[in-house]
Amino acid sequence: MDNKLQELTEKIYSEGVERGKAKADELLRKAQSEADAIVAKANADAAQIMADAKKRASELDGNTRSELKLFTQQAINSLKTDITNLVTNRVTNNAVKAATSDTSFMQGIIRYIAEAWVKDGNVTIETAKADELTAFFQTNAAELLNKGVNIVSSKDGATSFTIIPENGGFKVTIGDDELTAYFKEFIRPKLVEMLF
């Protein structure tokens, strides 16, 4: 009986070991399958993260390049404007100062305007240099004084000339500031074309 018991014990033990081994093999296969699935999912997630990161980096690169291009163009345009303003100011200021400091030139301009406007009625010219202009008109255009040109001293003491038709409605001021503004508007488009 001991033998039979021994055999039975060995049989139970062997069956238990085989079942345990089979169960362990099944658990190992299941664990390996789950591990493979986790690794595959991790690899897929990592690939998706990398693809998203590359896409964002590409978008950021494109946006940055676009902004840099825009800022560069704005900087160039600003520089062109600054250069144009500098050159325009220098050219017009020097030319206007030379013209307005030339008394005979300015008197000629005033005479020309007065000739054109006196045809429509009396004209008053205000200037800080009323005596000089009156002397010029008496010498060079006395007929205009007889036709209705009136020269008076400027109220504000400015060196500009203000021409006022008797019938009113408007007046024209001719001086450094006005001529500078006029010539800037006139010269600026041509200057931009020449410079750029």
C-alpha atoms as a PDB file:
ATOM      1  CA  MET A   1       0.000   0.000   0.000  1.00  0.00           C
ATOM      2  CA  ASP A   2       2.827   2.252   0.619  1.00  0.00           C
ATOM      3  CA  ASN A   3       3.752   1.761  -2.916  1.00  0.00           C
ATOM      4  CA  LYS A   4       0.325   2.646  -4.138  1.00  0.00           C
ATOM      5  CA  LEU A   5       0.231   5.651  -1.929  1.00  0.00           C
ATOM      6  CA  GLN A   6       3.619   6.633  -3.142  1.00  0.00           C
ATOM      7  CA  GLU A   7       2.484   6.255  -6.765  1.00  0.00           C
ATOM      8  CA  LEU A   8      -0.678   8.178  -6.126  1.00  0.00           C
ATOM      9  CA  THR A   9       1.242  10.965  -4.441  1.00  0.00           C
ATOM     10  CA  GLU A  10       3.696  11.139  -7.273  1.00  0.00           C
ATOM     11  CA  LYS A  11       0.873  11.127  -9.804  1.00  0.00           C
ATOM     12  CA  ILE A  12      -0.957  13.937  -7.978  1.00  0.00           C
ATOM     13  CA  TYR A  13       2.288  15.822  -7.632  1.00  0.00           C
ATOM     14  CA  SER A  14       3.151  15.388 -11.329  1.00  0.00           C
ATOM     15  CA  GLU A  15      -0.320  16.401 -12.435  1.00  0.00           C
ATOM     16  CA  GLY A  16      -0.176  19.430 -10.133  1.00  0.00           C
ATOM     17  CA  VAL A  17       3.241  20.375 -11.440  1.00  0.00           C
ATOM     18  CA  GLU A  18       2.073  19.975 -15.028  1.00  0.00           C
ATOM     19  CA  ARG A  19      -1.062  21.963 -14.370  1.00  0.00           C
ATOM     20  CA  GLY A  20       0.975  24.602 -12.566  1.00  0.00           C
ATOM     21  CA  LYS A  21       3.454  24.626 -15.407  1.00  0.00           C
ATOM     22  CA  ALA A  22       0.665  24.900 -17.973  1.00  0.00           C
ATOM     23  CA  LYS A  23      -0.979  27.676 -15.953  1.00  0.00           C
ATOM     24  CA  ALA A  24       2.384  29.426 -15.593  1.00  0.00           C
ATOM     25  CA  ASP A  25       3.029  29.088 -19.345  1.00  0.00           C
ATOM     26  CA  GLU A  26      -0.442  30.512 -20.036  1.00  0.00           C
ATOM     27  CA  LEU A  27       0.155  33.406 -17.612  1.00  0.00           C
ATOM     28  CA  LEU A  28       3.540  34.054 -19.230  1.00  0.00           C
ATOM     29  CA  ARG A  29       1.991  34.053 -22.706  1.00  0.00           C
ATOM     30  CA  LYS A  30      -0.767  36.397 -21.525  1.00  0.00           C
ATOM     31  CA  ALA A  31       1.755  38.655 -19.782  1.00  0.00           C
ATOM     32  CA  GLN A  32       3.968  38.666 -22.877  1.00  0.00           C
ATOM     33  CA  SER A  33       0.976  39.472 -25.070  1.00  0.00           C
ATOM     34  CA  GLU A  34      -0.043  42.326 -22.749  1.00  0.00           C
ATOM     35  CA  ALA A  35       3.543  43.573 -22.625  1.00  0.00           C
ATOM     36  CA  ASP A  36       3.731  43.473 -26.440  1.00  0.00           C
ATOM     37  CA  ALA A  37       0.436  45.389 -26.638  1.00  0.00           C
ATOM     38  CA  ILE A  38       1.713  47.980 -24.120  1.00  0.00           C
ATOM     39  CA  VAL A  39       4.975  48.366 -26.035  1.00  0.00           C
ATOM     40  CA  ALA A  40       3.098  48.651 -29.354  1.00  0.00           C
ATOM     41  CA  LYS A  41       0.756  51.269 -27.871  1.00  0.00           C
ATOM     42  CA  ALA A  42       3.720  53.154 -26.366  1.00  0.00           C
ATOM     43  CA  ASN A  43       5.491  53.073 -29.735  1.00  0.00           C
ATOM     44  CA  ALA A  44       2.328  54.296 -31.504  1.00  0.00           C
ATOM     45  CA  ASP A  45       1.852  57.044 -28.899  1.00  0.00           C
ATOM     46  CA  ALA A  46       5.503  58.041 -29.225  1.00  0.00           C
ATOM     47  CA  ALA A  47       5.196  58.125 -33.027  1.00  0.00           C
ATOM     48  CA  GLN A  48       2.043  60.283 -32.733  1.00  0.00           C
ATOM     49  CA  ILE A  49       3.764  62.617 -30.264  1.00  0.00           C
ATOM     50  CA  MET A  50       6.733  62.921 -32.613  1.00  0.00           C
ATOM     51  CA  ALA A  51       4.450  63.581 -35.600  1.00  0.00           C
ATOM     52  CA  ASP A  52       2.533  66.236 -33.627  1.00  0.00           C
ATOM     53  CA  ALA A  53       5.778  67.820 -32.445  1.00  0.00           C
ATOM     54  CA  LYS A  54       7.148  67.907 -36.011  1.00  0.00           C
ATOM     55  CA  LYS A  55       3.881  69.410 -37.260  1.00  0.00           C
ATOM     56  CA  ARG A  56       3.907  72.079 -34.536  1.00  0.00           C
ATOM     57  CA  ALA A  57       7.588  72.778 -35.184  1.00  0.00           C
ATOM     58  CA  SER A  58       6.881  73.116 -38.902  1.00  0.00           C
ATOM     59  CA  GLU A  59       3.936  75.464 -38.247  1.00  0.00           C
ATOM     60  CA  LEU A  60       6.027  77.488 -35.798  1.00  0.00           C
ATOM     61  CA  ASP A  61       8.855  77.674 -38.322  1.00  0.00           C
ATOM     62  CA  GLY A  62       6.448  78.800 -41.053  1.00  0.00           C
ATOM     63  CA  ASN A  63       4.803  81.389 -38.781  1.00  0.00           C
ATOM     64  CA  THR A  64       8.175  82.655 -37.579  1.00  0.00           C
ATOM     65  CA  ARG A  65       9.455  82.979 -41.137  1.00  0.00           C
ATOM     66  CA  SER A  66       6.280  84.806 -42.187  1.00  0.00           C
ATOM     67  CA  GLU A  67       6.523  87.185 -39.236  1.00  0.00           C
ATOM     68  CA  LEU A  68      10.222  87.770 -39.858  1.00  0.00           C
ATOM     69  CA  LYS A  69       9.480  88.486 -43.509  1.00  0.00           C
ATOM     70  CA  LEU A  70       6.702  90.897 -42.528  1.00  0.00           C
ATOM     71  CA  PHE A  71       8.858  92.630 -39.890  1.00  0.00           C
ATOM     72  CA  THR A  72      11.759  92.821 -42.333  1.00  0.00           C
ATOM     73  CA  GLN A  73       9.523  94.414 -44.965  1.00  0.00           C
ATOM     74  CA  GLN A  74       8.148  96.840 -42.388  1.00  0.00           C
ATOM     75  CA  ALA A  75      11.686  97.712 -41.282  1.00  0.00           C
ATOM     76  CA  ILE A  76      12.754  98.266 -44.905  1.00  0.00           C
ATOM     77  CA  ASN A  77       9.703 100.439 -45.576  1.00  0.00           C
ATOM     78  CA  SER A  78      10.357 102.412 -42.401  1.00  0.00           C
ATOM     79  CA  LEU A  79      13.993 102.883 -43.388  1.00  0.00           C
ATOM     80  CA  LYS A  80      12.949 104.000 -46.879  1.00  0.00           C
ATOM     81  CA  THR A  81      10.518 106.494 -45.333  1.00  0.00           C
ATOM     82  CA  ASP A  82      13.189 107.809 -42.980  1.00  0.00           C
ATOM     83  CA  ILE A  83      15.707 108.167 -45.819  1.00  0.00           C
ATOM     84  CA  THR A  84      13.116 109.841 -48.035  1.00  0.00           C
ATOM     85  CA  ASN A  85      12.128 112.240 -45.244  1.00  0.00           C
ATOM     86  CA  LEU A  86      15.764 113.058 -44.487  1.00  0.00           C
ATOM     87  CA  VAL A  87      16.640 113.745 -48.121  1.00  0.00           C
ATOM     88  CA  THR A  88      13.358 115.578 -48.800  1.00  0.00           C
ATOM     89  CA  ASN A  89      13.825 117.778 -45.735  1.00  0.00           C
ATOM     90  CA  ARG A  90      17.415 118.568 -46.575  1.00  0.00           C
ATOM     91  CA  VAL A  91      16.696 119.326 -50.246  1.00  0.00           C
ATOM     92  CA  THR A  92      13.544 121.354 -49.677  1.00  0.00           C
ATOM     93  CA  ASN A  93      14.757 123.230 -46.598  1.00  0.00           C
ATOM     94  CA  ASN A  94      17.973 124.291 -48.321  1.00  0.00           C
ATOM     95  CA  ALA A  95      16.210 125.239 -51.556  1.00  0.00           C
ATOM     96  CA  VAL A  96      13.399 127.115 -49.815  1.00  0.00           C
ATOM     97  CA  LYS A  97      15.781 128.985 -47.513  1.00  0.00           C
ATOM     98  CA  ALA A  98      17.834 130.001 -50.534  1.00  0.00           C
ATOM     99  CA  ALA A  99      14.715 131.125 -52.407  1.00  0.00           C
ATOM    100  CA  THR A 100      13.066 132.971 -49.533  1.00  0.00           C
ATOM    101  CA  SER A 101      16.292 134.724 -48.563  1.00  0.00           C
ATOM    102  CA  ASP A 102      16.538 136.043 -52.144  1.00  0.00           C
ATOM    103  CA  THR A 103      14.430 139.182 -51.767  1.00  0.00           C
ATOM    104  CA  SER A 104      14.188 139.908 -55.484  1.00  0.00           C
ATOM    105  CA  PHE A 105      13.016 136.344 -56.186  1.00  0.00           C
ATOM    106  CA  MET A 106      10.275 136.525 -53.558  1.00  0.00           C
ATOM    107  CA  GLN A 107       9.222 139.988 -54.734  1.00  0.00           C
ATOM    108  CA  GLY A 108       8.978 138.617 -58.267  1.00  0.00           C
ATOM    109  CA  ILE A 109       6.725 135.780 -57.102  1.00  0.00           C
ATOM    110  CA  ILE A 110       4.496 138.201 -55.198  1.00  0.00           C
ATOM    111  CA  ARG A 111       4.359 140.499 -58.253  1.00  0.00           C
ATOM    112  CA  TYR A 112       3.382 137.566 -60.486  1.00  0.00           C
ATOM    113  CA  ILE A 113       0.567 136.483 -58.149  1.00  0.00           C
ATOM    114  CA  ALA A 114      -0.637 140.066 -57.701  1.00  0.00           C
ATOM    115  CA  GLU A 115      -0.772 140.539 -61.501  1.00  0.00           C
ATOM    116  CA  ALA A 116      -2.960 137.474 -61.860  1.00  0.00           C
ATOM    117  CA  TRP A 117      -5.281 138.268 -58.961  1.00  0.00           C
ATOM    118  CA  VAL A 118      -5.715 142.023 -59.411  1.00  0.00           C
ATOM    119  CA  LYS A 119      -7.689 141.254 -62.585  1.00  0.00           C
ATOM    120  CA  ASP A 120     -10.495 139.955 -60.322  1.00  0.00           C
ATOM    121  CA  GLY A 121     -10.479 142.904 -57.900  1.00  0.00           C
ATOM    122  CA  ASN A 122      -8.358 144.593 -55.282  1.00  0.00           C
ATOM    123  CA  VAL A 123      -5.710 142.557 -53.472  1.00  0.00           C
ATOM    124  CA  THR A 124      -4.042 143.186 -50.109  1.00  0.00           C
ATOM    125  CA  ILE A 125      -0.548 141.867 -49.432  1.00  0.00           C
ATOM    126  CA  GLU A 126       0.537 141.618 -45.790  1.00  0.00           C
ATOM    127  CA  THR A 127       4.241 141.290 -45.020  1.00  0.00           C
ATOM    128  CA  ALA A 128       6.776 142.200 -42.362  1.00  0.00           C
ATOM    129  CA  LYS A 129       8.821 143.828 -45.144  1.00  0.00           C
ATOM    130  CA  ALA A 130       6.015 146.107 -46.361  1.00  0.00           C
ATOM    131  CA  ASP A 131       8.315 149.073 -47.020  1.00  0.00           C
ATOM    132  CA  GLU A 132      10.720 147.002 -49.157  1.00  0.00           C
ATOM    133  CA  LEU A 133       7.868 145.414 -51.143  1.00  0.00           C
ATOM    134  CA  THR A 134       6.162 148.779 -51.671  1.00  0.00           C
ATOM    135  CA  ALA A 135       9.422 150.225 -52.978  1.00  0.00           C
ATOM    136  CA  PHE A 136       9.812 147.231 -55.313  1.00  0.00           C
ATOM    137  CA  PHE A 137       6.259 147.619 -56.645  1.00  0.00           C
ATOM    138  CA  GLN A 138       6.703 151.408 -57.105  1.00  0.00           C
ATOM    139  CA  THR A 139       9.835 150.794 -59.131  1.00  0.00           C
ATOM    140  CA  ASN A 140       8.834 147.669 -61.071  1.00  0.00           C
ATOM    141  CA  ALA A 141       5.035 147.427 -61.052  1.00  0.00           C
ATOM    142  CA  ALA A 142       3.524 150.805 -60.239  1.00  0.00           C
ATOM    143  CA  GLU A 143       0.554 150.025 -62.478  1.00  0.00           C
ATOM    144  CA  LEU A 144      -0.416 147.185 -60.094  1.00  0.00           C
ATOM    145  CA  LEU A 145      -0.537 149.597 -57.180  1.00  0.00           C
ATOM    146  CA  ASN A 146      -2.854 151.779 -59.267  1.00  0.00           C
ATOM    147  CA  LYS A 147      -5.044 148.784 -60.218  1.00  0.00           C
ATOM    148  CA  GLY A 148      -5.799 147.829 -56.603  1.00  0.00           C
ATOM    149  CA  VAL A 149      -2.782 146.143 -54.987  1.00  0.00           C
ATOM    150  CA  ASN A 150      -2.490 147.313 -51.399  1.00  0.00           C
ATOM    151  CA  ILE A 151       0.646 146.457 -49.375  1.00  0.00           C
ATOM    152  CA  VAL A 152       0.369 146.569 -45.574  1.00  0.00           C
ATOM    153  CA  SER A 153       2.604 145.627 -42.678  1.00  0.00           C
ATOM    154  CA  SER A 154       1.942 142.166 -41.239  1.00  0.00           C
ATOM    155  CA  LYS A 155       0.105 142.096 -37.931  1.00  0.00           C
ATOM    156  CA  ASP A 156       2.116 139.219 -36.487  1.00  0.00           C
ATOM    157  CA  GLY A 157       5.512 140.401 -37.718  1.00  0.00           C
ATOM    158  CA  ALA A 158       6.159 137.230 -39.682  1.00  0.00           C
ATOM    159  CA  THR A 159       8.377 137.316 -42.752  1.00  0.00           C
ATOM    160  CA  SER A 160       5.755 135.482 -44.810  1.00  0.00           C
ATOM    161  CA  PHE A 161       3.603 137.136 -47.403  1.00  0.00           C
ATOM    162  CA  THR A 162      -0.165 136.856 -47.103  1.00  0.00           C
ATOM    163  CA  ILE A 163      -2.216 137.695 -50.171  1.00  0.00           C
ATOM    164  CA  ILE A 164      -5.889 138.456 -49.532  1.00  0.00           C
ATOM    165  CA  PRO A 165      -8.366 139.216 -52.350  1.00  0.00           C
ATOM    166  CA  GLU A 166     -10.799 142.017 -51.516  1.00  0.00           C
ATOM    167  CA  ASN A 167     -13.798 139.862 -52.371  1.00  0.00           C
ATOM    168  CA  GLY A 168     -12.658 137.545 -49.522  1.00  0.00           C
ATOM    169  CA  GLY A 169     -13.269 133.828 -49.306  1.00  0.00           C
ATOM    170  CA  PHE A 170      -9.657 132.780 -48.939  1.00  0.00           C
ATOM    171  CA  LYS A 171      -6.143 133.993 -48.442  1.00  0.00           C
ATOM    172  CA  VAL A 172      -2.793 132.578 -49.475  1.00  0.00           C
ATOM    173  CA  THR A 173       0.271 132.670 -47.268  1.00  0.00           C
ATOM    174  CA  ILE A 174       3.667 132.347 -48.881  1.00  0.00           C
ATOM    175  CA  GLY A 175       6.667 131.786 -46.637  1.00  0.00           C
ATOM    176  CA  ASP A 176       9.268 129.259 -45.562  1.00  0.00           C
ATOM    177  CA  ASP A 177       6.822 126.792 -44.017  1.00  0.00           C
ATOM    178  CA  GLU A 178       4.314 126.954 -46.870  1.00  0.00           C
ATOM    179  CA  LEU A 179       6.894 126.654 -49.622  1.00  0.00           C
ATOM    180  CA  THR A 180       8.652 123.833 -47.773  1.00  0.00           C
ATOM    181  CA  ALA A 181       5.372 121.912 -47.441  1.00  0.00           C
ATOM    182  CA  TYR A 182       4.520 122.545 -51.105  1.00  0.00           C
ATOM    183  CA  PHE A 183       7.891 121.413 -52.411  1.00  0.00           C
ATOM    184  CA  LYS A 184       7.944 118.368 -50.146  1.00  0.00           C
ATOM    185  CA  GLU A 185       4.668 117.190 -51.641  1.00  0.00           C
ATOM    186  CA  PHE A 186       5.951 117.939 -55.117  1.00  0.00           C
ATOM    187  CA  ILE A 187       9.406 116.385 -54.787  1.00  0.00           C
ATOM    188  CA  ARG A 188       8.638 113.360 -52.581  1.00  0.00           C
ATOM    189  CA  PRO A 189       7.193 110.987 -55.256  1.00  0.00           C
ATOM    190  CA  LYS A 190      10.048 111.729 -57.659  1.00  0.00           C
ATOM    191  CA  LEU A 191      12.597 111.348 -54.900  1.00  0.00           C
ATOM    192  CA  VAL A 192      11.184 107.973 -53.851  1.00  0.00           C
ATOM    193  CA  GLU A 193      11.324 106.861 -57.480  1.00  0.00           C
ATOM    194  CA  MET A 194      14.937 108.027 -57.814  1.00  0.00           C
ATOM    195  CA  LEU A 195      16.088 106.510 -54.498  1.00  0.00           C
ATOM    196  CA  PHE A 196      14.327 103.181 -54.672  1.00  0.00           C
END
